[in-house]
Amino acid sequence: MYKPSSKHLITITVLIALSSASSLSAAGWLDRLLGGGSEEQSSASSSENSGVNVTDLSSKELTQAFTQALRLGSERVISQLGKPDGFNKDAAIRIALPDKLVTMKGWLDKAGLGASLDDLEVRLNHAAELATPEAKALFLRTIEQMSFEDVKGIYQGGNDAATRYFQAKMTPALTTSMAPIVEQSLSQAGAVKVYDQALSQYKAIPFVPDLKANLVTHVVDGGLNGIFHYLAKEEAAIRENPVKRTTELLRRVFGAQ
C-alpha cells in the first residue's frame, strides 16, 4: 500500500492550515485546541492573515471541518474505483489472479487454454468495481461518528494516521458487508462461469495437482487494498493541495482562497 513519503506528524486538513501562508498564526490556536485545551481556551485567539476569527469557531466546527475533508476524500476514492475499469485498468491496484490460479494458468497455457484465465482476471477486477460503492455508506457513517478525541489522535499520529484509523475501524465491517456483494458481482461479471469452465478444462489435463481458489475472499481483499491505497494518496493530496478545500466550512476554518 502507498505510504506518503513525508515524515511530518501532521495529517490531512490540519496540514492544510499549517501549509498555507497563514500557517504560523494558525498553528498556535490549532495546537492549543488539539492539545486538549477547553473549547473556550481553544477559540480565544484569531488568525488575522487567514481571515478566520477563531473566536467564532468551536471545537465542534473544527472537528466538522476535519471530518468533511475525510468525507470528501473517501467519496472521491469510491467514485474513482467504483466505475468501469476503476480497478482493471489501474496498474497500481489491479487485482491479479490468486497464486493457485497462476499455477493453474501455467498448466492451461501448455494446453493452449490459458486465455480463459486471462479473461477471469479481468472479470475479478470488474467484480471489485461493482462491489466498491458498498463501502461508501460505511465510510460516511464511520466519519460521522468520529469524536474530537479521534481527530486529536489522528493529529498526534503518523502522516498516514487517517488511513490507518479507517483500516483499523472499518476492515472487519467492510469485509463482512462487501463479501455478499462481491459474490453477487462475481456472478454478474461472469467470473464464476469462466472460473468453472477453466477448472473443468484444467481437471481434464492428466496428473495435474488439485487447485482451487476462494474468489470472493481474493476480490474483497484486493478491493480493500485498492481503496486504502488511494485513500492514503487522497490524504496526502488534501494536505498539500489547497484546491482540495472545497466546502464553505473548510474555507472558513482553514482560510482557503
Protein backbone atom coordinates (compact mmCIF):
# COMPACT_ATOMS: atom_id res chain seq x y z
CA MET A 1 0.00 0.00 0.00
CA TYR A 2 1.18 3.51 -0.78
CA LYS A 3 2.54 5.49 2.17
CA PRO A 4 3.20 9.23 1.85
CA SER A 5 6.93 9.97 1.91
CA SER A 6 6.67 12.95 4.22
CA LYS A 7 7.74 12.27 7.78
CA HIS A 8 5.82 15.14 9.34
CA LEU A 9 3.36 14.19 12.05
CA ILE A 10 0.56 16.47 10.89
CA THR A 11 -2.16 14.93 8.73
CA ILE A 12 -4.92 15.79 6.33
CA THR A 13 -6.73 19.06 6.90
CA VAL A 14 -4.50 20.06 9.79
CA LEU A 15 -1.66 20.35 7.29
CA ILE A 16 -3.88 22.39 5.01
CA ALA A 17 -3.95 25.05 7.69
CA LEU A 18 -0.28 24.74 8.52
CA SER A 19 0.88 24.69 4.88
CA SER A 20 -0.88 27.92 3.94
CA ALA A 21 0.68 31.36 4.09
CA SER A 22 -1.04 31.92 7.40
CA SER A 23 0.26 28.71 8.95
CA LEU A 24 2.38 30.27 11.65
CA SER A 25 -0.54 32.17 13.13
CA ALA A 26 -2.97 29.31 12.57
CA ALA A 27 -0.71 26.75 14.23
CA GLY A 28 -0.96 28.36 17.64
CA TRP A 29 -4.71 28.08 18.11
CA LEU A 30 -4.87 24.69 16.37
CA ASP A 31 -2.16 23.23 18.56
CA ARG A 32 -3.90 24.59 21.65
CA LEU A 33 -7.17 23.08 20.51
CA LEU A 34 -5.77 19.66 19.64
CA GLY A 35 -3.54 19.75 22.67
CA GLY A 36 -6.59 19.29 24.84
CA GLY A 37 -7.46 22.80 25.98
CA SER A 38 -11.06 23.73 26.67
CA GLU A 39 -13.28 24.95 23.86
CA GLU A 40 -13.23 28.43 25.34
CA GLN A 41 -9.43 28.44 25.63
CA SER A 42 -9.01 26.92 22.19
CA SER A 43 -11.07 29.59 20.48
CA ALA A 44 -9.64 32.54 22.37
CA SER A 45 -7.25 33.70 19.63
CA SER A 46 -7.65 34.61 15.98
CA SER A 47 -5.79 34.19 12.71
CA GLU A 48 -5.64 37.62 11.13
CA ASN A 49 -3.93 36.57 7.88
CA SER A 50 -6.22 33.61 7.19
CA GLY A 51 -9.31 35.76 7.54
CA VAL A 52 -10.66 33.45 10.23
CA ASN A 53 -11.78 34.82 13.57
CA VAL A 54 -11.27 31.78 15.76
CA THR A 55 -13.43 33.26 18.48
CA ASP A 56 -16.31 32.42 16.12
CA LEU A 57 -15.26 28.76 15.93
CA SER A 58 -15.82 25.88 18.31
CA SER A 59 -14.10 22.52 18.69
CA LYS A 60 -17.26 21.06 17.11
CA GLU A 61 -16.81 23.19 13.99
CA LEU A 62 -13.14 22.32 13.73
CA THR A 63 -13.92 18.62 14.09
CA GLN A 64 -16.60 19.01 11.44
CA ALA A 65 -14.11 20.64 9.09
CA PHE A 66 -11.66 17.79 9.65
CA THR A 67 -14.31 15.13 9.03
CA GLN A 68 -15.60 16.99 5.97
CA ALA A 69 -12.19 16.67 4.37
CA LEU A 70 -12.15 12.95 5.14
CA ARG A 71 -15.65 12.53 3.72
CA LEU A 72 -14.78 14.37 0.52
CA GLY A 73 -11.60 12.32 0.13
CA SER A 74 -13.32 8.98 0.67
CA GLU A 75 -16.11 9.91 -1.73
CA ARG A 76 -13.56 10.71 -4.42
CA VAL A 77 -11.83 7.36 -3.89
CA ILE A 78 -15.06 5.35 -4.02
CA SER A 79 -16.19 7.24 -7.12
CA GLN A 80 -12.86 6.62 -8.85
CA LEU A 81 -12.69 2.89 -8.11
CA GLY A 82 -16.38 2.09 -8.40
CA LYS A 83 -16.60 2.91 -12.09
CA PRO A 84 -15.90 0.66 -15.12
CA ASP A 85 -12.19 -0.23 -15.26
CA GLY A 86 -11.54 1.60 -11.98
CA PHE A 87 -9.52 -1.45 -10.93
CA ASN A 88 -8.98 -3.26 -14.21
CA LYS A 89 -7.02 -0.51 -15.98
CA ASP A 90 -5.15 0.79 -12.94
CA ALA A 91 -1.79 -0.96 -12.70
CA ALA A 92 -1.31 0.22 -9.11
CA ILE A 93 -4.29 -1.70 -7.73
CA ARG A 94 -5.33 -4.17 -10.46
CA ILE A 95 -6.29 -7.47 -8.85
CA ALA A 96 -4.13 -10.29 -10.15
CA LEU A 97 -5.14 -13.95 -10.24
CA PRO A 98 -4.79 -15.81 -6.95
CA ASP A 99 -1.49 -17.71 -6.72
CA LYS A 100 -3.19 -21.08 -7.17
CA LEU A 101 -4.81 -19.88 -10.37
CA VAL A 102 -1.47 -18.57 -11.64
CA THR A 103 -0.22 -22.15 -11.28
CA MET A 104 -3.35 -23.43 -13.00
CA LYS A 105 -2.82 -20.95 -15.83
CA GLY A 106 0.67 -22.34 -16.37
CA TRP A 107 -0.79 -25.78 -16.96
CA LEU A 108 -3.58 -24.45 -19.18
CA ASP A 109 -1.11 -22.40 -21.24
CA LYS A 110 0.72 -25.61 -22.11
CA ALA A 111 -2.56 -26.95 -23.46
CA GLY A 112 -3.33 -23.72 -25.30
CA LEU A 113 -6.22 -22.92 -22.94
CA GLY A 114 -4.77 -20.16 -20.79
CA ALA A 115 -6.90 -17.40 -22.34
CA SER A 116 -9.83 -18.34 -20.12
CA LEU A 117 -7.88 -17.31 -17.01
CA ASP A 118 -6.79 -14.06 -18.63
CA ASP A 119 -10.50 -13.39 -19.09
CA LEU A 120 -11.15 -14.40 -15.48
CA GLU A 121 -8.63 -11.85 -14.19
CA VAL A 122 -10.46 -9.05 -16.00
CA ARG A 123 -13.75 -10.22 -14.53
CA LEU A 124 -12.34 -10.31 -10.99
CA ASN A 125 -11.49 -6.64 -11.33
CA HIS A 126 -14.94 -5.83 -12.70
CA ALA A 127 -16.44 -7.60 -9.68
CA ALA A 128 -14.39 -5.35 -7.38
CA GLU A 129 -15.62 -2.29 -9.28
CA LEU A 130 -19.22 -3.38 -8.87
CA ALA A 131 -18.76 -4.01 -5.13
CA THR A 132 -16.75 -0.89 -4.21
CA PRO A 133 -19.74 1.50 -3.89
CA GLU A 134 -20.92 -0.69 -1.00
CA ALA A 135 -18.08 0.83 1.04
CA LYS A 136 -19.34 4.40 0.70
CA ALA A 137 -22.09 4.25 3.32
CA LEU A 138 -19.77 2.65 5.88
CA PHE A 139 -17.07 5.26 5.30
CA LEU A 140 -19.54 8.09 5.74
CA ARG A 141 -21.04 6.52 8.85
CA THR A 142 -17.62 5.96 10.42
CA ILE A 143 -16.56 9.54 9.64
CA GLU A 144 -19.74 11.00 11.10
CA GLN A 145 -19.13 9.05 14.32
CA MET A 146 -15.63 10.43 14.80
CA SER A 147 -15.17 12.23 18.07
CA PHE A 148 -12.91 15.13 18.89
CA GLU A 149 -10.64 12.58 20.61
CA ASP A 150 -10.43 10.63 17.32
CA VAL A 151 -9.44 13.81 15.49
CA LYS A 152 -6.87 14.58 18.16
CA GLY A 153 -5.45 11.06 17.91
CA ILE A 154 -5.05 11.33 14.15
CA TYR A 155 -3.38 14.73 14.54
CA GLN A 156 -0.90 13.27 17.01
CA GLY A 157 -0.30 10.14 14.91
CA GLY A 158 1.82 9.49 11.85
CA ASN A 159 1.40 11.09 8.45
CA ASP A 160 -0.93 8.28 7.31
CA ALA A 161 -2.85 8.23 10.57
CA ALA A 162 -6.27 8.77 8.99
CA THR A 163 -5.81 5.84 6.59
CA ARG A 164 -4.63 3.58 9.41
CA TYR A 165 -7.56 4.73 11.54
CA PHE A 166 -10.00 3.70 8.84
CA GLN A 167 -8.25 0.38 8.28
CA ALA A 168 -8.42 -0.49 11.96
CA LYS A 169 -12.01 0.65 12.40
CA MET A 170 -13.54 -0.50 9.14
CA THR A 171 -11.76 -3.55 7.69
CA PRO A 172 -13.83 -6.18 9.58
CA ALA A 173 -17.13 -4.46 8.79
CA LEU A 174 -16.15 -3.79 5.18
CA THR A 175 -15.13 -7.41 4.72
CA THR A 176 -18.46 -8.58 6.08
CA SER A 177 -20.55 -6.13 4.08
CA MET A 178 -18.65 -6.48 0.82
CA ALA A 179 -18.41 -10.28 0.72
CA PRO A 180 -22.03 -10.96 -0.37
CA ILE A 181 -21.84 -8.06 -2.83
CA VAL A 182 -18.62 -9.45 -4.30
CA GLU A 183 -20.17 -12.90 -4.53
CA GLN A 184 -23.09 -11.44 -6.47
CA SER A 185 -20.74 -9.25 -8.51
CA LEU A 186 -18.59 -12.24 -9.49
CA SER A 187 -21.67 -13.88 -10.92
CA GLN A 188 -22.83 -10.64 -12.54
CA ALA A 189 -19.39 -10.06 -14.09
CA GLY A 190 -19.35 -13.62 -15.45
CA ALA A 191 -16.34 -14.60 -13.34
CA VAL A 192 -17.96 -17.66 -11.78
CA LYS A 193 -18.89 -19.11 -15.15
CA VAL A 194 -15.41 -18.51 -16.57
CA TYR A 195 -13.78 -19.98 -13.46
CA ASP A 196 -15.92 -23.13 -13.65
CA GLN A 197 -15.03 -23.53 -17.31
CA ALA A 198 -11.31 -23.05 -16.63
CA LEU A 199 -11.44 -25.50 -13.73
CA SER A 200 -13.16 -28.09 -15.92
CA GLN A 201 -10.50 -27.66 -18.62
CA TYR A 202 -7.77 -27.91 -16.02
CA LYS A 203 -9.11 -31.11 -14.50
CA ALA A 204 -9.13 -32.70 -17.94
CA ILE A 205 -5.32 -32.46 -18.02
CA PRO A 206 -3.79 -35.70 -16.66
CA PHE A 207 -1.77 -35.71 -13.43
CA VAL A 208 -2.26 -32.05 -12.50
CA PRO A 209 -2.38 -31.08 -8.80
CA ASP A 210 -5.72 -30.20 -7.23
CA LEU A 211 -6.04 -26.41 -7.31
CA LYS A 212 -8.93 -24.24 -6.18
CA ALA A 213 -9.23 -20.64 -5.07
CA ASN A 214 -11.66 -18.61 -2.99
CA LEU A 215 -12.53 -15.88 -5.44
CA VAL A 216 -14.75 -13.93 -3.01
CA THR A 217 -12.04 -13.56 -0.37
CA HIS A 218 -9.46 -12.70 -3.01
CA VAL A 219 -11.57 -9.95 -4.57
CA VAL A 220 -12.63 -8.49 -1.20
CA ASP A 221 -9.01 -8.32 -0.05
CA GLY A 222 -7.90 -6.80 -3.35
CA GLY A 223 -10.76 -4.32 -3.29
CA LEU A 224 -9.91 -3.11 0.21
CA ASN A 225 -6.23 -2.82 -0.68
CA GLY A 226 -7.19 -0.60 -3.60
CA ILE A 227 -9.49 1.57 -1.52
CA PHE A 228 -6.92 2.16 1.23
CA HIS A 229 -4.12 2.67 -1.32
CA TYR A 230 -5.96 5.60 -2.83
CA LEU A 231 -7.27 6.86 0.49
CA ALA A 232 -3.65 7.30 1.57
CA LYS A 233 -2.93 9.24 -1.64
CA GLU A 234 -6.03 11.35 -1.07
CA GLU A 235 -4.87 12.03 2.47
CA ALA A 236 -1.59 13.40 1.11
CA ALA A 237 -3.36 15.42 -1.60
CA ILE A 238 -5.71 17.10 0.87
CA ARG A 239 -2.70 18.19 2.93
CA GLU A 240 -0.71 19.52 0.01
CA ASN A 241 -3.27 20.90 -2.43
CA PRO A 242 -5.29 23.99 -1.49
CA VAL A 243 -7.75 23.19 -4.28
CA LYS A 244 -8.97 20.29 -2.14
CA ARG A 245 -10.50 22.77 0.33
CA THR A 246 -13.84 22.70 -1.40
CA THR A 247 -16.51 23.44 1.19
CA GLU A 248 -17.60 26.65 2.87
CA LEU A 249 -16.71 25.29 6.31
CA LEU A 250 -13.23 24.24 5.19
CA ARG A 251 -12.63 27.66 3.68
CA ARG A 252 -13.96 29.32 6.83
CA VAL A 253 -11.85 27.23 9.19
CA PHE A 254 -8.68 26.96 7.19
CA GLY A 255 -8.78 30.22 5.26
CA ALA A 256 -8.70 28.65 1.80
CA GLN A 257 -9.00 31.05 -1.09
